[in-house]
Amino acid sequence: MRQRALLAVALGCGPKLLVADEPTTALDVTYPGGNPRPDRELRERLGMALLLISHDLGIVASACDRI
């Protein structure tokens, strides 16, 4: 829950670049809300770039324009 709150605070500041270093690492996979993922629609709506650092290529492929 702490990661979700910090992401909301970070996005509330209107950043031009969001650096997400392993954003889903410590999340509980059984949480019914699912894992928060920086998604393309959100990035386009906020007009920000995303630097995503992850070992999970599935998340990378779904969130990024270029790898």
PDB file of N, CA and C in Angstrom:
ATOM      1  N   MET A   1       0.816  -1.174   0.000  1.00  0.00           N
ATOM      2  CA  MET A   1       0.000   0.000   0.000  1.00  0.00           C
ATOM      3  C   MET A   1       0.877   1.262   0.000  1.00  0.00           C
ATOM      4  N   ARG A   2       2.021   1.146   0.643  1.00  0.00           N
ATOM      5  CA  ARG A   2       2.923   2.294   0.715  1.00  0.00           C
ATOM      6  C   ARG A   2       3.417   2.683  -0.678  1.00  0.00           C
ATOM      7  N   GLN A   3       3.734   1.673  -1.516  1.00  0.00           N
ATOM      8  CA  GLN A   3       4.184   1.973  -2.875  1.00  0.00           C
ATOM      9  C   GLN A   3       3.089   2.661  -3.672  1.00  0.00           C
ATOM     10  N   ARG A   4       1.848   2.231  -3.506  1.00  0.00           N
ATOM     11  CA  ARG A   4       0.725   2.850  -4.210  1.00  0.00           C
ATOM     12  C   ARG A   4       0.567   4.309  -3.800  1.00  0.00           C
ATOM     13  N   ALA A   5       0.695   4.581  -2.498  1.00  0.00           N
ATOM     14  CA  ALA A   5       0.566   5.946  -2.000  1.00  0.00           C
ATOM     15  C   ALA A   5       1.691   6.832  -2.541  1.00  0.00           C
ATOM     16  N   LEU A   6       2.915   6.315  -2.546  1.00  0.00           N
ATOM     17  CA  LEU A   6       4.039   7.096  -3.053  1.00  0.00           C
ATOM     18  C   LEU A   6       3.907   7.376  -4.547  1.00  0.00           C
ATOM     19  N   LEU A   7       3.394   6.415  -5.299  1.00  0.00           N
ATOM     20  CA  LEU A   7       3.175   6.635  -6.726  1.00  0.00           C
ATOM     21  C   LEU A   7       2.131   7.726  -6.946  1.00  0.00           C
ATOM     22  N   ALA A   8       1.065   7.709  -6.158  1.00  0.00           N
ATOM     23  CA  ALA A   8       0.026   8.734  -6.273  1.00  0.00           C
ATOM     24  C   ALA A   8       0.591  10.114  -5.951  1.00  0.00           C
ATOM     25  N   VAL A   9       1.399  10.217  -4.918  1.00  0.00           N
ATOM     26  CA  VAL A   9       2.014  11.493  -4.547  1.00  0.00           C
ATOM     27  C   VAL A   9       2.944  11.969  -5.661  1.00  0.00           C
ATOM     28  N   ALA A  10       3.754  11.062  -6.192  1.00  0.00           N
ATOM     29  CA  ALA A  10       4.692  11.424  -7.258  1.00  0.00           C
ATOM     30  C   ALA A  10       3.947  11.920  -8.500  1.00  0.00           C
ATOM     31  N   LEU A  11       2.875  11.241  -8.874  1.00  0.00           N
ATOM     32  CA  LEU A  11       2.120  11.644 -10.062  1.00  0.00           C
ATOM     33  C   LEU A  11       1.359  12.939  -9.825  1.00  0.00           C
ATOM     34  N   GLY A  12       0.992  13.202  -8.584  1.00  0.00           N
ATOM     35  CA  GLY A  12       0.283  14.426  -8.246  1.00  0.00           C
ATOM     36  C   GLY A  12       1.125  15.681  -8.434  1.00  0.00           C
ATOM     37  N   CYS A  13       2.435  15.524  -8.443  1.00  0.00           N
ATOM     38  CA  CYS A  13       3.339  16.662  -8.621  1.00  0.00           C
ATOM     39  C   CYS A  13       3.515  17.045 -10.094  1.00  0.00           C
ATOM     40  N   GLY A  14       2.933  16.266 -11.004  1.00  0.00           N
ATOM     41  CA  GLY A  14       3.025  16.565 -12.435  1.00  0.00           C
ATOM     42  C   GLY A  14       4.417  16.436 -13.007  1.00  0.00           C
ATOM     43  N   PRO A  15       5.102  15.312 -12.786  1.00  0.00           N
ATOM     44  CA  PRO A  15       6.476  15.175 -13.290  1.00  0.00           C
ATOM     45  C   PRO A  15       6.527  15.057 -14.811  1.00  0.00           C
ATOM     46  N   LYS A  16       7.638  15.477 -15.374  1.00  0.00           N
ATOM     47  CA  LYS A  16       7.876  15.283 -16.808  1.00  0.00           C
ATOM     48  C   LYS A  16       8.514  13.933 -17.063  1.00  0.00           C
ATOM     49  N   LEU A  17       9.198  13.381 -16.038  1.00  0.00           N
ATOM     50  CA  LEU A  17       9.854  12.092 -16.132  1.00  0.00           C
ATOM     51  C   LEU A  17       9.599  11.333 -14.839  1.00  0.00           C
ATOM     52  N   LEU A  18       9.148  10.095 -14.970  1.00  0.00           N
ATOM     53  CA  LEU A  18       8.960   9.219 -13.823  1.00  0.00           C
ATOM     54  C   LEU A  18       9.971   8.088 -13.932  1.00  0.00           C
ATOM     55  N   VAL A  19      10.844   7.955 -12.940  1.00  0.00           N
ATOM     56  CA  VAL A  19      11.817   6.865 -12.900  1.00  0.00           C
ATOM     57  C   VAL A  19      11.241   5.797 -11.981  1.00  0.00           C
ATOM     58  N   ALA A  20      10.930   4.645 -12.541  1.00  0.00           N
ATOM     59  CA  ALA A  20      10.332   3.548 -11.784  1.00  0.00           C
ATOM     60  C   ALA A  20      11.330   2.398 -11.737  1.00  0.00           C
ATOM     61  N   ASP A  21      11.974   2.221 -10.597  1.00  0.00           N
ATOM     62  CA  ASP A  21      12.974   1.172 -10.418  1.00  0.00           C
ATOM     63  C   ASP A  21      12.311  -0.019  -9.746  1.00  0.00           C
ATOM     64  N   GLU A  22      12.073  -1.078 -10.510  1.00  0.00           N
ATOM     65  CA  GLU A  22      11.412  -2.294 -10.024  1.00  0.00           C
ATOM     66  C   GLU A  22      10.121  -1.951  -9.264  1.00  0.00           C
ATOM     67  N   PRO A  23       9.148  -1.311  -9.922  1.00  0.00           N
ATOM     68  CA  PRO A  23       7.955  -0.824  -9.215  1.00  0.00           C
ATOM     69  C   PRO A  23       7.053  -1.917  -8.660  1.00  0.00           C
ATOM     70  N   THR A  24       7.166  -3.135  -9.113  1.00  0.00           N
ATOM     71  CA  THR A  24       6.276  -4.198  -8.629  1.00  0.00           C
ATOM     72  C   THR A  24       6.982  -5.236  -7.772  1.00  0.00           C
ATOM     73  N   THR A  25       8.238  -4.995  -7.401  1.00  0.00           N
ATOM     74  CA  THR A  25       9.035  -5.986  -6.683  1.00  0.00           C
ATOM     75  C   THR A  25       8.424  -6.429  -5.361  1.00  0.00           C
ATOM     76  N   ALA A  26       8.059  -5.495  -4.502  1.00  0.00           N
ATOM     77  CA  ALA A  26       7.624  -5.846  -3.139  1.00  0.00           C
ATOM     78  C   ALA A  26       6.109  -5.972  -3.005  1.00  0.00           C
ATOM     79  N   LEU A  27       5.399  -6.003  -4.109  1.00  0.00           N
ATOM     80  CA  LEU A  27       3.938  -6.063  -4.029  1.00  0.00           C
ATOM     81  C   LEU A  27       3.451  -7.476  -3.787  1.00  0.00           C
ATOM     82  N   ASP A  28       2.361  -7.578  -3.075  1.00  0.00           N
ATOM     83  CA  ASP A  28       1.724  -8.865  -2.795  1.00  0.00           C
ATOM     84  C   ASP A  28       0.912  -9.268  -4.021  1.00  0.00           C
ATOM     85  N   VAL A  29       1.254 -10.380  -4.653  1.00  0.00           N
ATOM     86  CA  VAL A  29       0.578 -10.790  -5.883  1.00  0.00           C
ATOM     87  C   VAL A  29      -0.860 -11.236  -5.627  1.00  0.00           C
ATOM     88  N   THR A  30      -1.219 -11.483  -4.368  1.00  0.00           N
ATOM     89  CA  THR A  30      -2.584 -11.902  -4.070  1.00  0.00           C
ATOM     90  C   THR A  30      -3.501 -10.715  -3.785  1.00  0.00           C
ATOM     91  N   TYR A  31      -2.957  -9.506  -3.807  1.00  0.00           N
ATOM     92  CA  TYR A  31      -3.771  -8.318  -3.542  1.00  0.00           C
ATOM     93  C   TYR A  31      -4.846  -8.202  -4.615  1.00  0.00           C
ATOM     94  N   PRO A  32      -6.124  -8.079  -4.233  1.00  0.00           N
ATOM     95  CA  PRO A  32      -7.204  -8.093  -5.216  1.00  0.00           C
ATOM     96  C   PRO A  32      -7.205  -6.917  -6.187  1.00  0.00           C
ATOM     97  N   GLY A  33      -6.536  -5.835  -5.830  1.00  0.00           N
ATOM     98  CA  GLY A  33      -6.502  -4.675  -6.718  1.00  0.00           C
ATOM     99  C   GLY A  33      -5.543  -4.838  -7.873  1.00  0.00           C
ATOM    100  N   GLY A  34      -4.766  -5.897  -7.869  1.00  0.00           N
ATOM    101  CA  GLY A  34      -3.785  -6.111  -8.927  1.00  0.00           C
ATOM    102  C   GLY A  34      -2.564  -5.236  -8.718  1.00  0.00           C
ATOM    103  N   ASN A  35      -1.593  -5.408  -9.559  1.00  0.00           N
ATOM    104  CA  ASN A  35      -0.367  -4.624  -9.463  1.00  0.00           C
ATOM    105  C   ASN A  35      -0.528  -3.316 -10.210  1.00  0.00           C
ATOM    106  N   PRO A  36      -0.124  -2.206  -9.583  1.00  0.00           N
ATOM    107  CA  PRO A  36      -0.167  -0.942 -10.324  1.00  0.00           C
ATOM    108  C   PRO A  36       0.920  -0.956 -11.384  1.00  0.00           C
ATOM    109  N   ARG A  37       0.575  -0.608 -12.590  1.00  0.00           N
ATOM    110  CA  ARG A  37       1.559  -0.549 -13.661  1.00  0.00           C
ATOM    111  C   ARG A  37       1.480   0.820 -14.295  1.00  0.00           C
ATOM    112  N   PRO A  38       2.633   1.408 -14.556  1.00  0.00           N
ATOM    113  CA  PRO A  38       2.605   2.665 -15.302  1.00  0.00           C
ATOM    114  C   PRO A  38       2.059   2.351 -16.686  1.00  0.00           C
ATOM    115  N   ASP A  39       0.926   2.860 -17.022  1.00  0.00           N
ATOM    116  CA  ASP A  39       0.330   2.454 -18.283  1.00  0.00           C
ATOM    117  C   ASP A  39       0.366   3.572 -19.316  1.00  0.00           C
ATOM    118  N   ARG A  40       0.326   3.180 -20.578  1.00  0.00           N
ATOM    119  CA  ARG A  40       0.503   4.141 -21.670  1.00  0.00           C
ATOM    120  C   ARG A  40      -0.526   5.258 -21.654  1.00  0.00           C
ATOM    121  N   GLU A  41      -1.770   4.916 -21.395  1.00  0.00           N
ATOM    122  CA  GLU A  41      -2.822   5.937 -21.386  1.00  0.00           C
ATOM    123  C   GLU A  41      -2.553   6.998 -20.320  1.00  0.00           C
ATOM    124  N   LEU A  42      -2.151   6.552 -19.143  1.00  0.00           N
ATOM    125  CA  LEU A  42      -1.844   7.478 -18.054  1.00  0.00           C
ATOM    126  C   LEU A  42      -0.669   8.377 -18.424  1.00  0.00           C
ATOM    127  N   ARG A  43       0.380   7.791 -18.991  1.00  0.00           N
ATOM    128  CA  ARG A  43       1.547   8.598 -19.383  1.00  0.00           C
ATOM    129  C   ARG A  43       1.167   9.624 -20.432  1.00  0.00           C
ATOM    130  N   GLU A  44       0.365   9.234 -21.413  1.00  0.00           N
ATOM    131  CA  GLU A  44      -0.035  10.171 -22.460  1.00  0.00           C
ATOM    132  C   GLU A  44      -0.916  11.280 -21.902  1.00  0.00           C
ATOM    133  N   ARG A  45      -1.828  10.924 -21.020  1.00  0.00           N
ATOM    134  CA  ARG A  45      -2.729  11.925 -20.432  1.00  0.00           C
ATOM    135  C   ARG A  45      -1.950  12.934 -19.596  1.00  0.00           C
ATOM    136  N   LEU A  46      -0.935  12.466 -18.848  1.00  0.00           N
ATOM    137  CA  LEU A  46      -0.149  13.355 -17.999  1.00  0.00           C
ATOM    138  C   LEU A  46       1.005  14.001 -18.753  1.00  0.00           C
ATOM    139  N   GLY A  47       1.292  13.520 -19.961  1.00  0.00           N
ATOM    140  CA  GLY A  47       2.373  14.089 -20.764  1.00  0.00           C
ATOM    141  C   GLY A  47       3.748  13.885 -20.144  1.00  0.00           C
ATOM    142  N   MET A  48       3.990  12.692 -19.615  1.00  0.00           N
ATOM    143  CA  MET A  48       5.278  12.432 -18.977  1.00  0.00           C
ATOM    144  C   MET A  48       5.986  11.263 -19.646  1.00  0.00           C
ATOM    145  N   ALA A  49       7.284  11.243 -19.461  1.00  0.00           N
ATOM    146  CA  ALA A  49       8.095  10.127 -19.934  1.00  0.00           C
ATOM    147  C   ALA A  49       8.302   9.161 -18.777  1.00  0.00           C
ATOM    148  N   LEU A  50       8.598   7.908 -19.107  1.00  0.00           N
ATOM    149  CA  LEU A  50       8.808   6.890 -18.093  1.00  0.00           C
ATOM    150  C   LEU A  50      10.116   6.166 -18.356  1.00  0.00           C
ATOM    151  N   LEU A  51      10.953   6.110 -17.333  1.00  0.00           N
ATOM    152  CA  LEU A  51      12.150   5.286 -17.368  1.00  0.00           C
ATOM    153  C   LEU A  51      11.863   4.126 -16.432  1.00  0.00           C
ATOM    154  N   LEU A  52      11.617   2.956 -17.005  1.00  0.00           N
ATOM    155  CA  LEU A  52      11.217   1.779 -16.239  1.00  0.00           C
ATOM    156  C   LEU A  52      12.389   0.819 -16.136  1.00  0.00           C
ATOM    157  N   ILE A  53      12.780   0.511 -14.916  1.00  0.00           N
ATOM    158  CA  ILE A  53      13.879  -0.417 -14.652  1.00  0.00           C
ATOM    159  C   ILE A  53      13.259  -1.672 -14.060  1.00  0.00           C
ATOM    160  N   SER A  54      13.383  -2.810 -14.763  1.00  0.00           N
ATOM    161  CA  SER A  54      12.741  -4.025 -14.294  1.00  0.00           C
ATOM    162  C   SER A  54      13.368  -5.251 -14.937  1.00  0.00           C
ATOM    163  N   HIS A  55      13.245  -6.381 -14.236  1.00  0.00           N
ATOM    164  CA  HIS A  55      13.650  -7.667 -14.806  1.00  0.00           C
ATOM    165  C   HIS A  55      12.452  -8.370 -15.437  1.00  0.00           C
ATOM    166  N   ASP A  56      11.252  -7.856 -15.206  1.00  0.00           N
ATOM    167  CA  ASP A  56      10.022  -8.463 -15.716  1.00  0.00           C
ATOM    168  C   ASP A  56       9.716  -7.897 -17.101  1.00  0.00           C
ATOM    169  N   LEU A  57      10.109  -8.618 -18.137  1.00  0.00           N
ATOM    170  CA  LEU A  57       9.945  -8.112 -19.502  1.00  0.00           C
ATOM    171  C   LEU A  57       8.480  -7.981 -19.907  1.00  0.00           C
ATOM    172  N   GLY A  58       7.581  -8.710 -19.256  1.00  0.00           N
ATOM    173  CA  GLY A  58       6.156  -8.566 -19.533  1.00  0.00           C
ATOM    174  C   GLY A  58       5.658  -7.180 -19.168  1.00  0.00           C
ATOM    175  N   ILE A  59       6.054  -6.702 -18.010  1.00  0.00           N
ATOM    176  CA  ILE A  59       5.675  -5.354 -17.582  1.00  0.00           C
ATOM    177  C   ILE A  59       6.334  -4.317 -18.477  1.00  0.00           C
ATOM    178  N   VAL A  60       7.595  -4.532 -18.796  1.00  0.00           N
ATOM    179  CA  VAL A  60       8.318  -3.602 -19.657  1.00  0.00           C
ATOM    180  C   VAL A  60       7.637  -3.508 -21.023  1.00  0.00           C
ATOM    181  N   ALA A  61       7.312  -4.632 -21.608  1.00  0.00           N
ATOM    182  CA  ALA A  61       6.692  -4.645 -22.942  1.00  0.00           C
ATOM    183  C   ALA A  61       5.327  -3.978 -22.932  1.00  0.00           C
ATOM    184  N   SER A  62       4.564  -4.115 -21.849  1.00  0.00           N
ATOM    185  CA  SER A  62       3.226  -3.535 -21.816  1.00  0.00           C
ATOM    186  C   SER A  62       3.250  -2.043 -21.501  1.00  0.00           C
ATOM    187  N   ALA A  63       4.345  -1.548 -20.926  1.00  0.00           N
ATOM    188  CA  ALA A  63       4.370  -0.154 -20.481  1.00  0.00           C
ATOM    189  C   ALA A  63       5.194   0.763 -21.359  1.00  0.00           C
ATOM    190  N   CYS A  64       6.105   0.213 -22.151  1.00  0.00           N
ATOM    191  CA  CYS A  64       7.076   1.051 -22.845  1.00  0.00           C
ATOM    192  C   CYS A  64       6.908   1.056 -24.360  1.00  0.00           C
ATOM    193  N   ASP A  65       7.282   2.195 -24.954  1.00  0.00           N
ATOM    194  CA  ASP A  65       7.279   2.318 -26.402  1.00  0.00           C
ATOM    195  C   ASP A  65       8.542   1.722 -27.004  1.00  0.00           C
ATOM    196  N   ARG A  66       9.671   1.923 -26.320  1.00  0.00           N
ATOM    197  CA  ARG A  66      10.959   1.411 -26.794  1.00  0.00           C
ATOM    198  C   ARG A  66      11.654   0.690 -25.655  1.00  0.00           C
ATOM    199  N   ILE A  67      12.372  -0.374 -26.016  1.00  0.00           N
ATOM    200  CA  ILE A  67      13.126  -1.135 -25.013  1.00  0.00           C
ATOM    201  C   ILE A  67      14.592  -1.117 -25.400  1.00  0.00           C
TER     202      ILE A  67
END
